[in-house]
C-alpha cells in the first residue's frame, strides 16, 4: 500500500506542468506507432519561454502543432475555468495561395501567423498587431536563416529584442507591398478579408476583447503611384482608414518605408579589336580601375559579361573582350552590384531629398508619416538612419561600407575540379540563403565569384551551388546588402547583413511609442 510520502510524491508530480506534459500523453508518431509524448528541444524551448500571447510562424516538422494541442488539453484537464479552441481556416480560396511560393520571389496576397496561444496573466506590455510587407517581413530571408527564437526579417527581430521596455508580443499580417489597398476589404477573386475575419473570431472567443493593444503599420514600400496624391491619400491611407473603422480608437504606430535604388547605369559601347570602350554620360560615379562590372543588353552579345575595367577619364572605361562590331547596339547597362553607394541611382518616386514633387514620393511619405499628417498614424518610428548609406543620402550602403571577411584557406585547385565550401575568418556576418561576393584581395574590387549560402558550420560556409574558381587565402568575402531585382536592376529587399543593421539601428526606446 502506498504511504503518505508516495501520495505526496504523486501530488507533486501531477502539480508539475512539465512532468505532466512529458509523462501523461500518448501520440501517434510519423511511423504510425503509439508512443509516449515527450517534449523535444524546440517544444521545450517554446514551453520555457512562452508569454501570455505567442505567435508562431508556420514551421513544419518541429512538433509545435502537436505540442500546442497537448498543452491546451492539459490546461483544460488540470485547471478550472479554462477553455481552449483551435481556429483553422481551410477555405479553398485561401489555403491554396498560402501553400505556394515558399522560398521564391512569388508571393500571394497574404501570409502570416499560424497560432495565437495565451498563457498566464497579461503583464501590461504592448501587444502589436502588425501590418507588414516583404521589406519588413523577410522576402530575402527564409526559415534556415531564423534566429534562435525563430525570428525572420528586421521588424520581428527588433520587436522581439529584450531591450528598452522589453520584448513586444506581436502577430504579423503580411502582404505584398502593393497589396495594402486590398487588405481587410475586397470580394470575389480580389478578396483579402480572411485575416480580418480570423481576428474577429479571436476577439469573439476572447470575450470581445482585442488580442492586441496597438497596430504597427510598416506598409507603403510599393504603394507608389505616378502622383503623390494617389500614393498617400488613396493607396497608403486606405488601409489606415479601414483599420480605424474596424478597431475604433486603436493606436497606430507607423514605420516609414526604406528607399529603392538602381545599381545599373546606361552606357554606350564602341570597340577597336578586343578592347571595348564604355561611356557613361552621367559620369563613372566611383567606378575604379581593377573593379569588376557586369555588362548586359549589348548586341553583339560578346560585349556582355563580367569584366575587370580600366578607368580612362571621368566618363569612360575600357575592358578586354572577344571582339565584335562597333558600335554595340541595344539598351546597354553597367552593373556594379552595389559595390559603391555613389554609383546607385534613385528609383522611381525615390528621388532624394524630399522636395514636394511626385518624383520624391517615397520620401514625402516619410515626411508625412513622421508628421502624422491626415491622421495616417498616431506615432512614428523612423527607419532611415538605420538603413541609409553613411556617405550618401537616400541610398543603400555600398558593399564596401559593410562588414567583410577573408578566406583563411585556398578554395579550388586547378580551375576545373569543383567545390562547394569555403573557410573564412568570420562567418558570423552571413546567414543561410544570403548572397555573397568574393573579391581578390587585398583591395577587394575584382570579383572572383558570386554564391548563395546553403549552410554555415563555424567558419565553414557551404554553397547552394558549386564553383571551380581558384581563390587564394586573403580573398575578400562580402555580403550583399540586397539582391538586385526587376528591371532596371534595383535594391529593394534587405538581405541578412541589412536586416541586422536595421534591427540593431532602431533604438529599443522607440518601443515606448506603442504605449497609449
Protein backbone atom coordinates (compact mmCIF):
# COMPACT_ATOMS: atom_id res chain seq x y z
CA UNK A 1 0.00 0.00 0.00
CA UNK A 2 1.30 3.43 -0.90
CA UNK A 3 2.23 5.57 2.07
CA UNK A 4 1.79 9.29 2.66
CA UNK A 5 5.20 10.02 1.15
CA UNK A 6 4.27 8.17 -2.05
CA UNK A 7 0.98 10.02 -2.21
CA UNK A 8 2.69 13.37 -1.76
CA UNK A 9 5.24 12.49 -4.42
CA UNK A 10 2.40 11.74 -6.84
CA UNK A 11 0.69 15.02 -5.97
CA UNK A 12 3.94 16.87 -6.56
CA UNK A 13 4.38 15.19 -9.93
CA UNK A 14 0.83 15.89 -11.09
CA UNK A 15 1.22 19.50 -9.96
CA UNK A 16 4.27 19.90 -12.20
CA UNK A 17 3.15 21.07 -15.64
CA UNK A 18 6.40 19.98 -17.28
CA UNK A 19 6.21 16.49 -15.76
CA UNK A 20 2.62 16.06 -16.89
CA UNK A 21 3.43 17.02 -20.46
CA UNK A 22 6.33 14.58 -20.61
CA UNK A 23 4.63 11.62 -18.89
CA UNK A 24 0.86 11.54 -19.34
CA UNK A 25 0.09 11.84 -23.04
CA UNK A 26 0.40 9.42 -25.93
CA UNK A 27 0.64 10.30 -29.60
CA UNK A 28 0.97 8.53 -32.94
CA UNK A 29 4.42 9.16 -34.41
CA UNK A 30 5.35 9.54 -38.08
CA UNK A 31 5.72 5.76 -38.41
CA UNK A 32 2.18 5.19 -37.10
CA UNK A 33 3.33 3.88 -33.72
CA UNK A 34 1.65 4.78 -30.41
CA UNK A 35 4.38 6.39 -28.29
CA UNK A 36 4.61 8.43 -25.10
CA UNK A 37 4.81 12.15 -25.87
CA UNK A 38 7.97 13.80 -24.61
CA UNK A 39 8.88 17.37 -25.49
CA UNK A 40 11.70 17.79 -27.99
CA UNK A 41 14.24 20.61 -27.86
CA UNK A 42 12.08 23.10 -29.80
CA UNK A 43 8.95 22.25 -27.80
CA UNK A 44 10.85 22.57 -24.52
CA UNK A 45 12.30 25.92 -25.57
CA UNK A 46 8.86 27.20 -26.51
CA UNK A 47 7.37 25.95 -23.21
CA UNK A 48 10.12 27.64 -21.18
CA UNK A 49 9.78 30.98 -22.96
CA UNK A 50 6.04 31.21 -23.58
CA UNK A 51 4.46 34.56 -22.91
CA UNK A 52 0.76 35.25 -22.37
CA UNK A 53 0.45 35.80 -26.14
CA UNK A 54 2.58 33.87 -28.61
CA UNK A 55 2.76 33.93 -32.40
CA UNK A 56 4.34 31.05 -34.29
CA UNK A 57 5.42 31.15 -37.88
CA UNK A 58 4.32 28.14 -39.89
CA UNK A 59 7.19 25.75 -39.19
CA UNK A 60 6.76 22.18 -40.33
CA UNK A 61 8.29 19.12 -38.63
CA UNK A 62 9.14 20.89 -35.35
CA UNK A 63 6.23 19.37 -33.45
CA UNK A 64 4.77 22.68 -32.31
CA UNK A 65 1.26 21.91 -33.56
CA UNK A 66 1.24 18.65 -31.58
CA UNK A 67 2.66 20.40 -28.53
CA UNK A 68 0.04 23.14 -28.56
CA UNK A 69 -2.83 20.66 -28.74
CA UNK A 70 -1.44 18.65 -25.80
CA UNK A 71 -0.61 21.82 -23.88
CA UNK A 72 -4.14 23.17 -24.15
CA UNK A 73 -5.67 19.75 -23.39
CA UNK A 74 -3.57 19.56 -20.23
CA UNK A 75 -4.57 23.10 -19.27
CA UNK A 76 -8.26 22.19 -19.53
CA UNK A 77 -7.92 18.89 -17.63
CA UNK A 78 -5.87 20.17 -14.71
CA UNK A 79 -7.29 23.69 -14.24
CA UNK A 80 -10.68 25.17 -13.51
CA UNK A 81 -12.49 27.52 -15.84
CA UNK A 82 -10.10 27.01 -18.75
CA UNK A 83 -11.44 26.93 -22.30
CA UNK A 84 -9.39 26.11 -25.37
CA UNK A 85 -10.04 26.16 -29.08
CA UNK A 86 -8.26 25.92 -32.40
CA UNK A 87 -9.18 28.20 -35.26
CA UNK A 88 -8.29 26.69 -38.63
CA UNK A 89 -9.35 28.14 -41.97
CA UNK A 90 -9.48 25.63 -44.79
CA UNK A 91 -11.30 27.79 -47.31
CA UNK A 92 -10.42 26.85 -50.87
CA UNK A 93 -9.58 30.40 -51.88
CA UNK A 94 -7.07 30.86 -49.08
CA UNK A 95 -5.16 27.64 -48.42
CA UNK A 96 -4.02 27.15 -52.00
CA UNK A 97 -2.40 30.58 -52.04
CA UNK A 98 -0.90 30.18 -48.60
CA UNK A 99 0.89 26.97 -49.58
CA UNK A 100 2.65 28.35 -52.66
CA UNK A 101 5.68 30.50 -53.28
CA UNK A 102 7.85 29.36 -50.36
CA UNK A 103 11.46 30.42 -50.77
CA UNK A 104 10.77 32.23 -54.02
CA UNK A 105 10.18 35.76 -55.22
CA UNK A 106 6.48 34.95 -55.78
CA UNK A 107 4.01 35.96 -53.07
CA UNK A 108 0.26 35.52 -52.60
CA UNK A 109 -1.87 38.39 -51.30
CA UNK A 110 -1.32 37.24 -47.76
CA UNK A 111 0.78 35.14 -45.43
CA UNK A 112 1.05 35.24 -41.66
CA UNK A 113 0.91 33.59 -38.28
CA UNK A 114 -0.26 30.06 -37.58
CA UNK A 115 -1.36 30.17 -33.94
CA UNK A 116 -2.01 32.67 -31.19
CA UNK A 117 -1.76 30.98 -27.77
CA UNK A 118 -2.17 32.58 -24.36
CA UNK A 119 -0.53 31.53 -21.10
CA UNK A 120 -0.71 33.35 -17.79
CA UNK A 121 -1.79 36.87 -16.98
CA UNK A 122 -1.06 39.88 -19.15
CA UNK A 123 1.88 41.81 -17.75
CA UNK A 124 0.77 45.13 -19.21
CA UNK A 125 3.28 45.49 -22.00
CA UNK A 126 2.04 46.46 -25.50
CA UNK A 127 0.90 43.72 -27.87
CA UNK A 128 1.28 44.62 -31.55
CA UNK A 129 -0.91 43.62 -34.47
CA UNK A 130 1.49 44.47 -37.29
CA UNK A 131 0.74 45.01 -40.98
CA UNK A 132 3.90 44.37 -42.95
CA UNK A 133 5.14 43.91 -46.49
CA UNK A 134 8.05 41.86 -47.78
CA UNK A 135 10.53 44.56 -46.76
CA UNK A 136 9.81 44.16 -43.06
CA UNK A 137 8.88 40.51 -43.02
CA UNK A 138 11.66 38.72 -44.92
CA UNK A 139 11.36 38.13 -48.65
CA UNK A 140 15.15 37.74 -48.71
CA UNK A 141 15.36 35.59 -45.57
CA UNK A 142 13.84 32.14 -45.22
CA UNK A 143 13.42 29.61 -42.40
CA UNK A 144 17.02 28.39 -42.30
CA UNK A 145 18.15 31.94 -41.51
CA UNK A 146 15.85 32.38 -38.50
CA UNK A 147 17.43 33.37 -35.20
CA UNK A 148 17.33 31.23 -32.05
CA UNK A 149 13.82 32.47 -31.26
CA UNK A 150 12.52 31.83 -34.77
CA UNK A 151 12.53 35.43 -36.00
CA UNK A 152 12.87 36.38 -39.66
CA UNK A 153 13.18 39.90 -41.02
CA UNK A 154 14.19 43.12 -39.30
CA UNK A 155 10.80 44.01 -37.79
CA UNK A 156 10.31 40.73 -35.92
CA UNK A 157 13.90 40.80 -34.69
CA UNK A 158 13.51 44.36 -33.44
CA UNK A 159 10.17 43.71 -31.74
CA UNK A 160 11.49 40.57 -30.07
CA UNK A 161 14.72 42.09 -28.78
CA UNK A 162 14.77 42.29 -24.99
CA UNK A 163 15.74 45.95 -24.80
CA UNK A 164 14.08 49.18 -23.73
CA UNK A 165 10.66 48.23 -22.36
CA UNK A 166 11.29 44.59 -23.34
CA UNK A 167 10.10 42.15 -25.95
CA UNK A 168 6.89 43.16 -27.71
CA UNK A 169 4.49 40.26 -28.39
CA UNK A 170 3.24 40.53 -31.93
CA UNK A 171 1.18 38.99 -34.68
CA UNK A 172 2.28 39.99 -38.18
CA UNK A 173 -0.17 40.21 -41.06
CA UNK A 174 1.96 40.16 -44.17
CA UNK A 175 1.09 41.15 -47.70
CA UNK A 176 2.86 42.28 -50.87
CA UNK A 177 3.75 45.95 -50.77
CA UNK A 178 1.16 46.87 -53.36
CA UNK A 179 -1.50 44.80 -51.59
CA UNK A 180 -2.38 47.18 -48.76
CA UNK A 181 -5.17 48.75 -50.84
CA UNK A 182 -6.87 45.33 -50.86
CA UNK A 183 -6.20 44.17 -47.29
CA UNK A 184 -9.26 43.95 -45.00
CA UNK A 185 -11.54 44.51 -47.99
CA UNK A 186 -12.47 43.13 -51.40
CA UNK A 187 -14.71 40.44 -52.81
CA UNK A 188 -14.55 37.55 -55.24
CA UNK A 189 -11.10 36.85 -56.64
CA UNK A 190 -9.76 40.07 -55.08
CA UNK A 191 -10.92 39.25 -51.56
CA UNK A 192 -8.42 39.87 -48.76
CA UNK A 193 -10.54 39.64 -45.62
CA UNK A 194 -9.54 36.25 -44.25
CA UNK A 195 -7.10 37.54 -41.63
CA UNK A 196 -9.58 40.22 -40.60
CA UNK A 197 -12.18 37.50 -40.06
CA UNK A 198 -9.74 35.35 -38.06
CA UNK A 199 -9.00 38.30 -35.79
CA UNK A 200 -12.75 38.84 -35.40
CA UNK A 201 -13.16 35.22 -34.32
CA UNK A 202 -10.31 35.56 -31.82
CA UNK A 203 -11.93 38.71 -30.40
CA UNK A 204 -15.26 36.90 -30.05
CA UNK A 205 -13.53 33.93 -28.40
CA UNK A 206 -11.75 36.36 -26.07
CA UNK A 207 -14.90 37.92 -24.62
CA UNK A 208 -14.92 40.70 -27.26
CA UNK A 209 -11.53 41.94 -26.11
CA UNK A 210 -8.83 42.73 -28.66
CA UNK A 211 -5.83 40.35 -28.54
CA UNK A 212 -3.60 43.39 -29.16
CA UNK A 213 -3.15 46.89 -27.78
CA UNK A 214 -1.57 48.70 -30.72
CA UNK A 215 -1.33 48.44 -34.52
CA UNK A 216 2.07 48.63 -36.17
CA UNK A 217 1.99 49.70 -39.83
CA UNK A 218 5.11 49.06 -41.89
CA UNK A 219 3.35 49.28 -45.28
CA UNK A 220 4.00 51.81 -48.03
CA UNK A 221 7.04 50.48 -49.86
CA UNK A 222 5.24 49.52 -53.06
CA UNK A 223 2.16 51.70 -52.77
CA UNK A 224 3.87 54.24 -55.01
CA UNK A 225 1.92 55.90 -57.82
CA UNK A 226 2.56 58.43 -60.57
CA UNK A 227 1.12 61.18 -58.36
CA UNK A 228 1.71 61.66 -54.68
CA UNK A 229 -1.98 62.23 -54.06
CA UNK A 230 -2.66 58.72 -55.33
CA UNK A 231 0.32 57.38 -53.37
CA UNK A 232 -0.54 58.89 -49.98
CA UNK A 233 -4.28 59.53 -49.97
CA UNK A 234 -5.62 56.57 -51.93
CA UNK A 235 -3.03 53.83 -51.60
CA UNK A 236 -1.33 54.33 -48.23
CA UNK A 237 -4.15 55.78 -46.18
CA UNK A 238 -6.89 53.45 -47.41
CA UNK A 239 -5.70 50.62 -45.16
CA UNK A 240 -5.30 53.03 -42.25
CA UNK A 241 -8.90 54.18 -42.74
CA UNK A 242 -10.19 50.60 -42.68
CA UNK A 243 -8.17 49.76 -39.58
CA UNK A 244 -9.53 52.77 -37.70
CA UNK A 245 -13.06 51.75 -38.70
CA UNK A 246 -12.52 48.11 -37.68
CA UNK A 247 -10.79 48.93 -34.36
CA UNK A 248 -12.25 52.20 -33.17
CA UNK A 249 -9.83 54.20 -31.06
CA UNK A 250 -6.84 51.96 -31.80
CA UNK A 251 -3.36 53.48 -31.63
CA UNK A 252 -1.39 53.16 -34.89
CA UNK A 253 2.40 53.39 -34.90
CA UNK A 254 3.95 53.61 -38.38
CA UNK A 255 7.39 52.84 -39.79
CA UNK A 256 8.38 54.87 -42.90
CA UNK A 257 9.46 52.69 -45.85
CA UNK A 258 13.02 52.09 -46.97
CA UNK A 259 14.37 53.55 -50.20
CA UNK A 260 14.71 51.87 -53.58
CA UNK A 261 17.74 52.43 -55.78
CA UNK A 262 19.02 51.13 -59.10
CA UNK A 263 22.53 49.67 -59.24
CA UNK A 264 22.90 49.95 -63.02
CA UNK A 265 23.67 52.87 -65.34
CA UNK A 266 23.11 53.15 -69.07
CA UNK A 267 26.24 53.13 -71.21
CA UNK A 268 27.31 53.25 -74.84
CA UNK A 269 29.94 50.88 -76.22
CA UNK A 270 32.45 51.06 -79.03
CA UNK A 271 35.44 48.87 -79.67
CA UNK A 272 38.74 48.54 -81.51
CA UNK A 273 39.82 44.96 -81.86
CA UNK A 274 39.35 43.25 -78.49
CA UNK A 275 39.25 46.45 -76.41
CA UNK A 276 35.80 47.85 -75.62
CA UNK A 277 35.33 51.45 -74.54
CA UNK A 278 32.31 52.26 -72.38
CA UNK A 279 30.94 55.77 -71.87
CA UNK A 280 28.61 56.79 -69.05
CA UNK A 281 27.11 60.22 -69.73
CA UNK A 282 26.38 60.81 -66.02
CA UNK A 283 29.98 60.04 -65.03
CA UNK A 284 31.66 56.97 -63.57
CA UNK A 285 30.34 57.71 -60.06
CA UNK A 286 33.03 55.81 -58.19
CA UNK A 287 33.96 53.10 -60.68
CA UNK A 288 37.68 52.34 -60.31
CA UNK A 289 40.44 50.59 -62.22
CA UNK A 290 40.61 46.93 -61.24
CA UNK A 291 36.92 46.71 -60.40
CA UNK A 292 34.62 44.08 -61.89
CA UNK A 293 31.39 45.24 -63.53
CA UNK A 294 28.66 43.34 -65.36
CA UNK A 295 27.66 44.46 -68.86
CA UNK A 296 24.30 43.41 -70.33
CA UNK A 297 21.89 44.33 -73.13
CA UNK A 298 24.51 44.78 -75.85
CA UNK A 299 24.48 43.44 -79.40
CA UNK A 300 26.75 41.70 -80.38
CA UNK A 301 26.48 39.63 -77.19
CA UNK A 302 30.25 39.28 -76.94
CA UNK A 303 30.25 42.65 -75.19
CA UNK A 304 28.13 41.21 -72.38
CA UNK A 305 29.54 39.57 -69.27
CA UNK A 306 31.59 40.40 -66.17
CA UNK A 307 34.84 42.26 -66.82
CA UNK A 308 37.63 43.95 -64.91
CA UNK A 309 37.81 47.56 -66.09
CA UNK A 310 40.43 50.27 -66.53
CA UNK A 311 39.30 53.85 -65.98
CA UNK A 312 40.27 56.28 -68.75
CA UNK A 313 38.68 59.54 -67.62
CA UNK A 314 35.64 60.91 -65.79
CA UNK A 315 33.17 59.31 -68.19
CA UNK A 316 34.89 56.32 -69.84
CA UNK A 317 36.47 52.99 -69.03
CA UNK A 318 37.80 50.11 -71.11
CA UNK A 319 37.84 46.33 -70.86
CA UNK A 320 39.07 43.42 -72.91
CA UNK A 321 36.60 41.08 -74.61
CA UNK A 322 36.42 38.65 -77.53
CA UNK A 323 35.71 41.40 -80.06
CA UNK A 324 32.67 42.43 -82.08
CA UNK A 325 31.24 45.01 -84.45
CA UNK A 326 31.32 48.62 -83.32
CA UNK A 327 29.37 50.40 -82.01
CA UNK A 328 27.30 48.00 -79.95
CA UNK A 329 23.55 48.44 -80.10
CA UNK A 330 20.72 47.93 -77.65
CA UNK A 331 19.83 49.29 -74.21
CA UNK A 332 23.16 48.59 -72.57
CA UNK A 333 23.68 48.71 -68.81
CA UNK A 334 26.66 48.52 -66.49
CA UNK A 335 26.04 46.94 -63.06
CA UNK A 336 28.49 47.27 -60.17
CA UNK A 337 26.31 45.01 -57.93
CA UNK A 338 26.05 47.80 -55.37
CA UNK A 339 29.74 47.94 -54.54
CA UNK A 340 29.66 51.72 -54.02
CA UNK A 341 26.90 53.96 -52.73
CA UNK A 342 27.77 56.76 -55.17
CA UNK A 343 27.03 54.53 -58.18
CA UNK A 344 23.40 53.94 -57.20
CA UNK A 345 20.57 55.79 -58.98
CA UNK A 346 17.38 56.86 -57.21
CA UNK A 347 14.43 54.71 -58.28
CA UNK A 348 11.04 55.95 -59.47
CA UNK A 349 9.35 58.02 -56.73
CA UNK A 350 12.56 57.74 -54.68
CA UNK A 351 14.46 60.92 -55.55
CA UNK A 352 16.27 62.33 -52.53
CA UNK A 353 15.80 64.65 -50.75
CA UNK A 354 12.06 65.13 -50.45
CA UNK A 355 11.27 68.24 -52.49
CA UNK A 356 7.49 68.27 -52.80
CA UNK A 357 7.45 66.64 -56.23
CA UNK A 358 5.94 63.35 -57.31
CA UNK A 359 9.46 62.12 -58.09
CA UNK A 360 10.33 62.14 -54.38
CA UNK A 361 7.09 60.46 -53.31
CA UNK A 362 8.73 57.81 -51.11
CA UNK A 363 10.48 60.44 -49.03
CA UNK A 364 7.41 62.69 -48.99
CA UNK A 365 5.59 59.72 -47.47
CA UNK A 366 8.29 59.51 -44.81
CA UNK A 367 7.78 63.21 -44.07
CA UNK A 368 4.01 62.76 -43.76
CA UNK A 369 4.37 59.69 -41.53
CA UNK A 370 6.81 61.48 -39.23
CA UNK A 371 4.43 64.47 -39.13
CA UNK A 372 1.40 62.16 -38.61
CA UNK A 373 -0.31 64.01 -41.46
CA UNK A 374 -4.02 63.40 -42.09
CA UNK A 375 -4.21 61.01 -39.12
CA UNK A 376 -2.10 58.47 -41.04
CA UNK A 377 -0.69 57.34 -37.68
CA UNK A 378 -0.54 58.33 -34.02
CA UNK A 379 3.23 57.96 -33.70
CA UNK A 380 6.13 57.10 -35.99
CA UNK A 381 9.36 55.14 -35.60
CA UNK A 382 11.86 56.21 -38.23
CA UNK A 383 13.91 53.61 -40.14
CA UNK A 384 16.02 55.98 -42.21
CA UNK A 385 19.17 56.35 -40.09
CA UNK A 386 19.35 52.60 -39.51
CA UNK A 387 19.14 51.88 -43.24
CA UNK A 388 20.88 54.65 -45.20
CA UNK A 389 24.44 54.74 -46.53
CA UNK A 390 26.81 56.66 -44.24
CA UNK A 391 28.23 58.52 -47.24
CA UNK A 392 25.19 59.48 -49.35
CA UNK A 393 21.58 60.37 -48.63
CA UNK A 394 18.67 58.27 -49.83
CA UNK A 395 20.64 55.20 -50.95
CA UNK A 396 21.58 51.79 -49.60
CA UNK A 397 25.02 51.32 -48.07
CA UNK A 398 27.51 50.19 -50.68
CA UNK A 399 29.03 46.75 -50.22
CA UNK A 400 32.32 48.48 -49.38
CA UNK A 401 30.58 50.20 -46.45
CA UNK A 402 29.53 46.92 -44.84
CA UNK A 403 31.43 44.30 -42.88
CA UNK A 404 33.55 41.76 -44.76
CA UNK A 405 35.83 38.83 -44.01
CA UNK A 406 38.59 36.90 -45.79
CA UNK A 407 39.37 33.35 -46.85
CA UNK A 408 41.69 31.53 -44.44
CA UNK A 409 42.18 28.57 -46.76
CA UNK A 410 42.55 28.44 -50.53
CA UNK A 411 39.41 27.41 -52.38
CA UNK A 412 39.81 25.41 -55.58
CA UNK A 413 42.84 23.73 -57.03
CA UNK A 414 43.13 23.87 -60.82
CA UNK A 415 40.11 25.80 -62.06
CA UNK A 416 38.47 22.55 -63.19
CA UNK A 417 37.68 20.50 -60.10
CA UNK A 418 34.57 21.84 -58.36
CA UNK A 419 33.96 22.51 -54.66
CA UNK A 420 31.09 23.88 -52.58
CA UNK A 421 32.73 25.03 -49.34
CA UNK A 422 34.95 27.90 -48.27
CA UNK A 423 36.61 28.68 -44.92
CA UNK A 424 36.54 32.29 -43.72
CA UNK A 425 37.92 34.22 -40.77
CA UNK A 426 34.48 35.24 -39.51
CA UNK A 427 31.26 33.69 -40.80
CA UNK A 428 29.07 35.45 -38.23
CA UNK A 429 28.19 38.20 -40.72
CA UNK A 430 26.45 35.67 -43.00
CA UNK A 431 23.32 33.55 -42.80
CA UNK A 432 21.85 30.79 -44.98
CA UNK A 433 20.10 31.92 -48.16
CA UNK A 434 22.28 35.06 -48.33
CA UNK A 435 24.18 36.14 -51.44
CA UNK A 436 27.90 36.74 -51.04
CA UNK A 437 30.50 38.14 -53.43
CA UNK A 438 34.15 37.11 -53.28
CA UNK A 439 36.82 39.54 -54.50
CA UNK A 440 40.56 39.28 -54.96
CA UNK A 441 42.49 40.66 -52.02
CA UNK A 442 43.58 42.88 -50.54
CA UNK A 443 41.69 45.73 -52.24
CA UNK A 444 38.59 43.60 -52.87
CA UNK A 445 37.49 45.12 -56.20
CA UNK A 446 37.97 42.37 -58.79
CA UNK A 447 35.12 39.91 -58.28
CA UNK A 448 36.06 36.23 -58.40
CA UNK A 449 32.75 34.56 -57.61
CA UNK A 450 29.16 35.14 -56.52
CA UNK A 451 27.42 32.44 -54.49
CA UNK A 452 24.38 31.81 -52.27
CA UNK A 453 24.94 30.37 -48.80
CA UNK A 454 23.34 26.98 -48.13
CA UNK A 455 24.56 26.44 -44.58
CA UNK A 456 27.18 27.60 -42.10
CA UNK A 457 29.10 25.49 -39.56
CA UNK A 458 31.57 27.50 -37.53
CA UNK A 459 33.55 29.41 -40.14
CA UNK A 460 32.87 26.93 -42.94
CA UNK A 461 30.35 28.19 -45.50
CA UNK A 462 28.65 25.70 -47.81
CA UNK A 463 27.33 26.98 -51.14
CA UNK A 464 23.98 26.11 -52.66
CA UNK A 465 25.88 25.52 -55.90
CA UNK A 466 29.45 24.68 -56.84
CA UNK A 467 32.46 26.59 -58.16
CA UNK A 468 35.79 25.77 -59.75
CA UNK A 469 37.37 29.24 -59.39
CA UNK A 470 40.71 29.20 -57.58
CA UNK A 471 40.58 31.76 -54.77
CA UNK A 472 43.71 32.26 -52.64
CA UNK A 473 43.96 32.91 -48.93
CA UNK A 474 43.12 36.55 -48.23
CA UNK A 475 40.39 36.82 -50.87
CA UNK A 476 37.74 39.22 -49.57
CA UNK A 477 34.26 37.82 -48.89
CA UNK A 478 31.50 40.42 -48.81
CA UNK A 479 27.78 40.06 -48.04
CA UNK A 480 25.33 41.66 -50.46
CA UNK A 481 23.05 44.29 -48.87
CA UNK A 482 20.26 43.31 -51.26
CA UNK A 483 19.67 41.11 -54.27
CA UNK A 484 19.29 43.05 -57.49
CA UNK A 485 15.72 42.65 -58.73
CA UNK A 486 13.46 43.76 -61.55
CA UNK A 487 14.44 45.98 -64.46
CA UNK A 488 16.35 48.19 -64.09
CA UNK A 489 18.15 46.08 -61.51
CA UNK A 490 17.32 47.56 -58.11
CA UNK A 491 18.00 47.19 -54.41
CA UNK A 492 14.61 46.63 -52.73
CA UNK A 493 14.62 43.82 -50.16
CA UNK A 494 17.25 43.74 -47.40
CA UNK A 495 19.48 40.71 -47.09
CA UNK A 496 20.61 39.49 -43.62
CA UNK A 497 23.52 41.97 -43.31
CA UNK A 498 21.00 44.80 -43.73
CA UNK A 499 18.29 43.09 -41.68
CA UNK A 500 20.71 43.09 -38.75
CA UNK A 501 21.79 46.66 -39.47
CA UNK A 502 18.21 47.93 -39.42
CA UNK A 503 17.03 45.94 -36.41
CA UNK A 504 20.14 46.95 -34.45
CA UNK A 505 19.98 50.56 -35.60
CA UNK A 506 16.48 51.45 -34.37
CA UNK A 507 16.65 52.38 -30.68
CA UNK A 508 14.78 49.99 -28.40
CA UNK A 509 13.46 53.02 -26.50
CA UNK A 510 11.26 53.70 -29.54
CA UNK A 511 9.05 50.86 -28.32
CA UNK A 512 7.69 53.29 -25.73
CA UNK A 513 5.69 54.83 -28.59
CA UNK A 514 3.49 51.73 -28.55
CA UNK A 515 2.04 52.89 -25.24
CA UNK A 516 -1.16 54.92 -25.40
